[in-house]
Amino acid sequence: KYPFPDDSVCMPVERDLDNGGFSTYMPKYNGTSMPPFCWHRDNIDQCCNVCGEMGCRFIVNHRWVSDLRQSGKWFGRWENYDCFYDDLSSAEIQQCIDRKNISNIEVKGASVKQMLNRYIEQKLNGIQMVKPTAFSRNIVLDTLQMPHVVWHDAVKEFGNKLDAYGEINNETSEYYFVTGFYFSSEREPHVIVDRSLQFSNLAWKKLTPKGYKMINAFDVTAAFTYDSDGQNDGLHITGPPIRAILTKFFHHLCQE
């Protein structure tokens, strides 16, 4: 956690009414007019109050709230002990798109995909992809439909699904997968943190030998698993962890 940036550096915080921000609170971000670290600003007391389940609206304003959530304004980054990921500006992302000849960035999955989409669309606002050709590169970011597979599938069944994923030709595509999150409640049967880790490890074991690249979301979501769960369910963790996941994604995508 770092001191909240001054408005003269990042411009005053406003709600982004585009990119799905009309229904789920997101601060406005412009990667051209703001330093890229401004993307990590948030209002934790506003960003994560979606009620997607029956009865939620009756309790959402009466549940226990942590000090982190009560404090409202948040500014920080997920950092490893020995290194950190660079935040890329819009100009740097555009240079990456042009240099790697990227024609498309596609997000796959289920409910977590929808969360990722809102943030990645904000980060890619104003970015121009190259014209699709036989030589352009397609990028995929896949949640593997977690947490839904953790809820519905046995481990063997999920493994069989992973076996069906083909080899990746890294000359024309790059395929990243996001691990399961650090769940803090069992909103649905079997959706617990141990199974999330088990399914994530299985995905690593089966997919990386075929050319897939892993984005570790399990560790990133641990600190905010209760404070920024988007449906108040300890499951759909949004806000700062989603930005950390996408920061890692762009770091790996655009590294030299």
Protein backbone atom coordinates (compact mmCIF):
# COMPACT_ATOMS: atom_id res chain seq x y z
CA LYS A 1 0.00 0.00 0.00
CA TYR A 2 1.20 3.49 -0.91
CA PRO A 3 -0.06 7.03 -0.17
CA PHE A 4 -3.02 7.96 -2.35
CA PRO A 5 -1.80 10.05 -5.33
CA ASP A 6 -2.51 13.75 -5.36
CA ASP A 7 -5.21 14.94 -7.78
CA SER A 8 -2.61 17.06 -9.56
CA VAL A 9 -0.81 13.84 -10.55
CA CYS A 10 -3.70 11.53 -11.46
CA MET A 11 -6.62 13.95 -11.85
CA PRO A 12 -9.58 13.82 -9.42
CA VAL A 13 -11.23 10.41 -9.00
CA GLU A 14 -14.39 10.08 -11.07
CA ARG A 15 -16.59 7.10 -11.72
CA ASP A 16 -16.05 5.47 -15.11
CA LEU A 17 -19.49 5.10 -16.63
CA ASP A 18 -18.09 3.24 -19.63
CA ASN A 19 -16.70 -0.33 -19.75
CA GLY A 20 -19.46 -1.61 -17.48
CA GLY A 21 -18.66 1.00 -14.83
CA PHE A 22 -22.27 2.14 -14.75
CA SER A 23 -23.22 -1.07 -12.91
CA THR A 24 -19.98 -1.82 -11.05
CA TYR A 25 -17.96 1.05 -9.65
CA MET A 26 -14.62 1.70 -11.36
CA PRO A 27 -12.55 4.91 -11.17
CA LYS A 28 -11.97 6.56 -14.53
CA TYR A 29 -8.55 5.94 -16.06
CA ASN A 30 -6.84 7.35 -19.13
CA GLY A 31 -3.51 5.75 -19.97
CA THR A 32 -2.60 8.62 -22.27
CA SER A 33 -3.17 11.58 -19.95
CA MET A 34 -2.35 9.88 -16.63
CA PRO A 35 0.77 8.08 -15.41
CA PRO A 36 0.09 4.32 -15.63
CA PHE A 37 0.28 3.83 -11.84
CA CYS A 38 -2.91 5.90 -11.50
CA TRP A 39 -4.83 2.83 -12.70
CA HIS A 40 -4.42 1.28 -9.24
CA ARG A 41 -6.48 3.90 -7.44
CA ASP A 42 -9.77 2.63 -6.05
CA ASN A 43 -12.55 3.26 -3.56
CA ILE A 44 -12.84 -0.09 -1.80
CA ASP A 45 -16.09 0.91 -0.10
CA GLN A 46 -17.73 1.45 -3.51
CA CYS A 47 -16.07 -0.92 -5.98
CA CYS A 48 -17.38 -4.22 -4.69
CA ASN A 49 -21.04 -4.06 -3.72
CA VAL A 50 -22.78 -5.99 -6.49
CA CYS A 51 -25.60 -8.23 -5.29
CA GLY A 52 -25.87 -11.14 -7.67
CA GLU A 53 -27.59 -13.62 -5.38
CA MET A 54 -31.07 -13.85 -3.90
CA GLY A 55 -31.39 -12.09 -0.53
CA CYS A 56 -28.07 -10.24 -0.81
CA ARG A 57 -29.71 -6.82 -0.83
CA PHE A 58 -31.15 -7.44 2.63
CA ILE A 59 -27.76 -7.95 4.24
CA VAL A 60 -25.23 -6.04 2.14
CA ASN A 61 -25.54 -2.87 4.22
CA HIS A 62 -25.63 -4.71 7.54
CA ARG A 63 -22.63 -7.04 7.35
CA TRP A 64 -19.36 -6.63 9.22
CA VAL A 65 -16.97 -4.35 7.33
CA SER A 66 -13.20 -4.52 7.69
CA ASP A 67 -10.99 -1.50 8.40
CA LEU A 68 -9.63 -1.75 4.86
CA ARG A 69 -13.10 -1.44 3.37
CA GLN A 70 -14.12 1.32 5.77
CA SER A 71 -11.10 3.41 4.80
CA GLY A 72 -12.52 3.83 1.29
CA LYS A 73 -9.65 5.15 -0.78
CA TRP A 74 -7.02 2.58 -1.71
CA PHE A 75 -3.81 2.85 -3.68
CA GLY A 76 -1.29 0.06 -3.89
CA ARG A 77 0.21 -2.69 -6.05
CA TRP A 78 0.84 -6.38 -5.66
CA GLU A 79 4.60 -6.77 -5.40
CA ASN A 80 6.81 -9.81 -4.96
CA TYR A 81 9.46 -9.71 -2.25
CA ASP A 82 12.35 -9.32 -4.68
CA CYS A 83 10.81 -7.58 -7.70
CA PHE A 84 7.73 -5.84 -9.05
CA TYR A 85 5.82 -5.63 -12.31
CA ASP A 86 6.06 -2.46 -14.39
CA ASP A 87 2.81 -0.65 -15.15
CA LEU A 88 2.56 0.02 -18.86
CA SER A 89 1.20 3.24 -20.30
CA SER A 90 -1.09 3.29 -23.32
CA ALA A 91 1.87 4.28 -25.50
CA GLU A 92 3.91 1.32 -24.24
CA ILE A 93 1.02 -1.10 -24.79
CA GLN A 94 0.55 0.25 -28.30
CA GLN A 95 4.25 -0.26 -29.02
CA CYS A 96 3.88 -3.84 -27.75
CA ILE A 97 0.86 -4.46 -30.00
CA ASP A 98 2.73 -3.14 -33.02
CA ARG A 99 6.01 -4.89 -32.25
CA LYS A 100 4.40 -8.29 -31.68
CA ASN A 101 1.91 -7.84 -34.54
CA ILE A 102 -1.12 -8.50 -32.31
CA SER A 103 -4.50 -8.41 -34.04
CA ASN A 104 -6.72 -9.52 -31.16
CA ILE A 105 -6.78 -9.98 -27.38
CA GLU A 106 -9.62 -12.30 -26.37
CA VAL A 107 -10.82 -13.08 -22.85
CA LYS A 108 -12.46 -16.48 -22.32
CA GLY A 109 -14.29 -18.02 -19.37
CA ALA A 110 -17.51 -17.38 -17.43
CA SER A 111 -18.28 -14.94 -14.59
CA VAL A 112 -14.65 -14.04 -13.86
CA LYS A 113 -14.19 -13.39 -17.59
CA GLN A 114 -16.84 -10.66 -17.34
CA MET A 115 -14.92 -9.04 -14.49
CA LEU A 116 -11.63 -9.19 -16.38
CA ASN A 117 -13.27 -7.79 -19.51
CA ARG A 118 -14.33 -4.57 -17.78
CA TYR A 119 -10.81 -3.83 -16.59
CA ILE A 120 -8.95 -4.91 -19.72
CA GLU A 121 -11.26 -2.81 -21.90
CA GLN A 122 -10.43 0.17 -19.71
CA LYS A 123 -6.70 -0.54 -20.00
CA LEU A 124 -6.94 -1.00 -23.79
CA ASN A 125 -9.04 2.11 -24.38
CA GLY A 126 -7.61 3.90 -27.42
CA ILE A 127 -5.30 1.01 -28.36
CA GLN A 128 -5.37 -0.02 -32.03
CA MET A 129 -4.82 -3.67 -32.93
CA VAL A 130 -3.07 -4.51 -36.19
CA LYS A 131 -5.02 -5.74 -39.19
CA PRO A 132 -5.65 -9.50 -39.01
CA THR A 133 -3.51 -11.46 -41.45
CA ALA A 134 -2.07 -14.94 -41.73
CA PHE A 135 0.97 -13.64 -39.85
CA SER A 136 -0.69 -11.56 -37.12
CA ARG A 137 -0.78 -12.84 -33.57
CA ASN A 138 -3.89 -13.74 -31.55
CA ILE A 139 -3.72 -13.46 -27.74
CA VAL A 140 -6.05 -15.36 -25.39
CA LEU A 141 -6.56 -14.87 -21.66
CA ASP A 142 -8.63 -17.78 -20.32
CA THR A 143 -10.05 -18.27 -16.81
CA LEU A 144 -10.73 -21.96 -17.64
CA GLN A 145 -14.26 -21.25 -16.37
CA MET A 146 -13.14 -21.14 -12.76
CA PRO A 147 -14.79 -21.08 -10.26
CA HIS A 148 -17.65 -22.84 -12.07
CA VAL A 149 -15.60 -25.96 -12.84
CA VAL A 150 -14.51 -26.09 -9.18
CA TRP A 151 -18.19 -26.15 -8.26
CA HIS A 152 -19.46 -28.62 -10.83
CA ASP A 153 -16.56 -30.89 -11.90
CA ALA A 154 -14.68 -33.69 -10.24
CA VAL A 155 -10.91 -33.38 -10.47
CA LYS A 156 -10.71 -36.15 -13.08
CA GLU A 157 -13.45 -34.52 -15.16
CA PHE A 158 -11.62 -31.20 -15.14
CA GLY A 159 -8.41 -32.99 -16.08
CA ASN A 160 -10.14 -34.56 -19.07
CA LYS A 161 -11.24 -31.11 -20.22
CA LEU A 162 -7.66 -29.86 -19.97
CA ASP A 163 -6.44 -32.85 -21.98
CA ALA A 164 -8.64 -31.65 -24.85
CA TYR A 165 -6.69 -28.37 -25.11
CA GLY A 166 -4.39 -28.56 -28.13
CA GLU A 167 -0.77 -27.52 -28.55
CA ILE A 168 -0.08 -23.80 -28.88
CA ASN A 169 1.82 -22.40 -31.85
CA ASN A 170 3.58 -19.46 -30.22
CA GLU A 171 4.54 -18.08 -33.63
CA THR A 172 0.94 -17.04 -34.32
CA SER A 173 -0.65 -16.99 -30.87
CA GLU A 174 -0.07 -16.77 -27.15
CA TYR A 175 -2.45 -18.43 -24.71
CA TYR A 176 -2.50 -17.39 -21.05
CA PHE A 177 -4.64 -19.01 -18.39
CA VAL A 178 -5.62 -17.52 -15.03
CA THR A 179 -5.51 -19.76 -11.97
CA GLY A 180 -8.35 -20.07 -9.48
CA PHE A 181 -8.82 -17.36 -6.85
CA TYR A 182 -8.21 -17.55 -3.11
CA PHE A 183 -11.81 -18.22 -2.02
CA SER A 184 -12.86 -17.21 1.50
CA SER A 185 -16.34 -18.74 1.60
CA GLU A 186 -18.21 -21.72 0.22
CA ARG A 187 -21.07 -19.94 -1.50
CA GLU A 188 -21.62 -23.01 -3.65
CA PRO A 189 -20.87 -26.68 -2.85
CA HIS A 190 -17.20 -27.67 -3.31
CA VAL A 191 -16.08 -24.08 -4.04
CA ILE A 192 -13.38 -23.93 -1.40
CA VAL A 193 -9.83 -22.62 -1.39
CA ASP A 194 -8.19 -26.06 -1.31
CA ARG A 195 -9.98 -27.19 -4.46
CA SER A 196 -9.13 -23.91 -6.18
CA LEU A 197 -5.45 -24.61 -5.54
CA GLN A 198 -5.84 -28.25 -6.59
CA PHE A 199 -7.50 -27.32 -9.89
CA SER A 200 -4.91 -24.58 -10.52
CA ASN A 201 -2.02 -26.98 -9.97
CA LEU A 202 -3.63 -29.48 -12.32
CA ALA A 203 -3.97 -26.79 -15.01
CA TRP A 204 -0.30 -25.91 -14.60
CA LYS A 205 0.72 -29.56 -14.90
CA LYS A 206 -1.36 -30.27 -18.02
CA LEU A 207 -1.27 -27.00 -19.96
CA THR A 208 2.19 -25.48 -19.60
CA PRO A 209 3.94 -28.41 -21.40
CA LYS A 210 1.69 -27.62 -24.39
CA GLY A 211 2.79 -23.99 -24.58
CA TYR A 212 0.20 -22.31 -22.35
CA LYS A 213 1.37 -19.61 -19.93
CA MET A 214 0.05 -19.30 -16.38
CA ILE A 215 -1.01 -16.10 -14.62
CA ASN A 216 -1.03 -16.78 -10.87
CA ALA A 217 -4.21 -15.22 -9.49
CA PHE A 218 -4.34 -17.40 -6.37
CA ASP A 219 -1.68 -15.45 -4.45
CA VAL A 220 -2.78 -12.08 -5.82
CA THR A 221 -6.37 -12.46 -4.56
CA ALA A 222 -5.50 -13.70 -1.06
CA ALA A 223 -5.20 -10.31 0.64
CA PHE A 224 -8.52 -8.99 -0.75
CA THR A 225 -10.57 -12.19 -0.76
CA TYR A 226 -13.13 -10.72 1.64
CA ASP A 227 -12.67 -6.97 1.21
CA SER A 228 -13.22 -6.71 -2.54
CA ASP A 229 -15.42 -9.71 -3.35
CA GLY A 230 -17.71 -8.29 -5.98
CA GLN A 231 -20.87 -10.15 -4.99
CA ASN A 232 -20.13 -10.17 -1.25
CA ASP A 233 -19.53 -13.89 -1.53
CA GLY A 234 -15.79 -14.42 -0.95
CA LEU A 235 -15.65 -15.73 -4.49
CA HIS A 236 -15.84 -13.03 -7.19
CA ILE A 237 -12.86 -10.99 -6.07
CA THR A 238 -12.58 -7.76 -8.02
CA GLY A 239 -10.97 -4.33 -7.70
CA PRO A 240 -7.22 -4.21 -6.90
CA PRO A 241 -6.55 -7.96 -7.47
CA ILE A 242 -7.99 -7.81 -11.00
CA ARG A 243 -5.65 -4.93 -11.83
CA ALA A 244 -2.75 -6.93 -10.40
CA ILE A 245 -3.66 -9.94 -12.57
CA LEU A 246 -3.80 -7.79 -15.71
CA THR A 247 -0.57 -5.99 -14.79
CA LYS A 248 1.11 -9.42 -14.70
CA PHE A 249 -0.56 -10.34 -17.99
CA PHE A 250 0.69 -7.25 -19.84
CA HIS A 251 4.13 -7.62 -18.25
CA HIS A 252 4.52 -11.14 -19.63
CA LEU A 253 2.90 -10.29 -22.95
CA CYS A 254 5.09 -7.27 -23.62
CA GLN A 255 8.42 -8.24 -22.11
CA GLU A 256 11.29 -8.20 -24.58
